[in-house]
Amino acid sequence: MNSYESDILPGALADLSAEDQARPLPELAGVLLSLVDRGWIDVHWYIDRYLGPKVPRDLLPALLADPGTWEYPEDHDWNGALTLVLTEAGTETAHLTAEELVQRP
C-alpha cells in the first residue's frame, strides 16, 4: 500500500494492481492491519484538507470492514476519510529488498 504521500485509503487502493484491488476486503484489511501492527503505517482521519488525529487501532477493524471506507465519496468530500501515513520505521523498510523484508519481524 502506498503511504508515501499520506494518501487517503481510496487513493492507496487505486495504486494497487487490478488483481490486488479485486481481493476480498477482509484480506486487504488484514494486510493493512499487519502494516499498522508492524509500525510501518499509521492511519489518521482526513479533516478539512489536513492530516487529522491518529485513528485508534481498536477502531480500525470495523472501519476497514465497511466497503465505503475504501471508495471515493460521490460528493468528493473527503472529510473523515482514512489516511495512510508512512512512519519512520516504514520509511526504513521502503529501502529494503524483498529478502531483507522477509527477515524483519
Protein backbone atom coordinates (compact mmCIF):
# COMPACT_ATOMS: atom_id res chain seq x y z
CA MET A 1 0.00 0.00 0.00
CA ASN A 2 1.27 3.42 -0.90
CA SER A 3 1.55 5.80 2.02
CA TYR A 4 4.43 7.95 0.80
CA GLU A 5 2.02 10.79 0.04
CA SER A 6 -0.15 10.45 3.17
CA ASP A 7 -2.71 9.14 0.73
CA ILE A 8 -6.34 8.65 1.62
CA LEU A 9 -7.28 4.98 1.66
CA PRO A 10 -9.25 5.03 -1.64
CA GLY A 11 -6.22 6.62 -3.33
CA ALA A 12 -3.95 3.95 -1.92
CA LEU A 13 -6.34 1.26 -3.12
CA ALA A 14 -6.24 2.78 -6.60
CA ASP A 15 -2.45 2.36 -6.57
CA LEU A 16 -2.81 -1.43 -6.35
CA SER A 17 -2.84 -3.68 -9.39
CA ALA A 18 -6.27 -4.69 -10.70
CA GLU A 19 -5.64 -8.18 -9.33
CA ASP A 20 -4.93 -6.85 -5.84
CA GLN A 21 -7.89 -4.46 -5.98
CA ALA A 22 -10.13 -7.47 -6.62
CA ARG A 23 -9.04 -9.21 -3.42
CA PRO A 24 -11.73 -9.54 -0.72
CA LEU A 25 -11.87 -6.63 1.72
CA PRO A 26 -11.03 -8.80 4.74
CA GLU A 27 -7.80 -9.81 3.00
CA LEU A 28 -6.89 -6.21 2.13
CA ALA A 29 -7.80 -5.10 5.65
CA GLY A 30 -5.57 -7.84 7.07
CA VAL A 31 -2.63 -6.62 5.01
CA LEU A 32 -3.17 -3.04 6.11
CA LEU A 33 -3.56 -4.03 9.76
CA SER A 34 -0.34 -6.05 9.60
CA LEU A 35 1.49 -2.94 8.37
CA VAL A 36 -0.03 -0.90 11.21
CA ASP A 37 0.89 -3.58 13.75
CA ARG A 38 4.48 -3.63 12.50
CA GLY A 39 4.62 0.12 12.99
CA TRP A 40 5.19 0.83 9.30
CA ILE A 41 1.97 2.77 8.66
CA ASP A 42 -0.22 4.96 10.82
CA VAL A 43 -3.85 5.62 9.95
CA HIS A 44 -5.24 9.11 10.53
CA TRP A 45 -8.51 10.87 9.86
CA TYR A 46 -8.55 13.36 6.99
CA ILE A 47 -10.06 16.58 8.33
CA ASP A 48 -10.55 19.84 6.41
CA ARG A 49 -7.73 19.16 3.92
CA TYR A 50 -5.29 18.29 6.71
CA LEU A 51 -3.98 15.22 8.42
CA GLY A 52 -6.22 14.75 11.42
CA PRO A 53 -5.80 12.69 14.57
CA LYS A 54 -4.49 9.15 14.50
CA VAL A 55 -7.25 6.54 14.39
CA PRO A 56 -7.13 4.25 17.44
CA ARG A 57 -6.06 0.73 16.44
CA ASP A 58 -9.13 -0.85 18.04
CA LEU A 59 -11.43 1.11 15.68
CA LEU A 60 -9.65 0.02 12.50
CA PRO A 61 -11.16 -3.47 12.01
CA ALA A 62 -14.74 -2.11 11.99
CA LEU A 63 -13.83 0.84 9.79
CA LEU A 64 -11.97 -1.36 7.32
CA ALA A 65 -14.89 -3.81 7.17
CA ASP A 66 -17.07 -1.05 5.67
CA PRO A 67 -16.77 -1.12 1.86
CA GLY A 68 -17.49 2.62 1.76
CA THR A 69 -14.24 3.27 3.60
CA TRP A 70 -12.37 2.01 0.54
CA GLU A 71 -14.29 4.09 -2.03
CA TYR A 72 -14.02 7.72 -3.09
CA PRO A 73 -17.04 9.67 -1.80
CA GLU A 74 -19.53 10.60 -4.51
CA ASP A 75 -19.63 14.21 -3.32
CA HIS A 76 -15.80 14.43 -3.31
CA ASP A 77 -15.84 15.47 0.36
CA TRP A 78 -13.00 13.50 1.88
CA ASN A 79 -13.59 14.72 5.44
CA GLY A 80 -13.49 11.72 7.70
CA ALA A 81 -11.66 9.54 5.16
CA LEU A 82 -8.88 7.31 6.45
CA THR A 83 -5.42 8.50 5.51
CA LEU A 84 -2.34 6.26 5.40
CA VAL A 85 0.89 7.77 6.67
CA LEU A 86 4.30 6.15 6.39
CA THR A 87 6.11 6.02 9.74
CA GLU A 88 9.84 6.34 10.28
CA ALA A 89 10.06 2.55 10.55
CA GLY A 90 8.04 2.27 7.34
CA THR A 91 10.45 4.60 5.58
CA GLU A 92 13.32 2.32 6.57
CA THR A 93 11.55 -0.75 5.17
CA ALA A 94 10.83 1.01 1.88
CA HIS A 95 14.51 0.75 1.02
CA LEU A 96 14.87 -2.96 1.77
CA THR A 97 14.88 -5.80 -0.72
CA ALA A 98 12.19 -8.48 -0.59
CA GLU A 99 14.68 -10.86 1.03
CA GLU A 100 15.53 -8.32 3.73
CA LEU A 101 11.84 -7.67 4.40
CA VAL A 102 11.19 -11.37 4.96
CA GLN A 103 13.84 -11.41 7.68
CA ARG A 104 12.32 -8.46 9.57
CA PRO A 105 9.88 -9.05 12.42
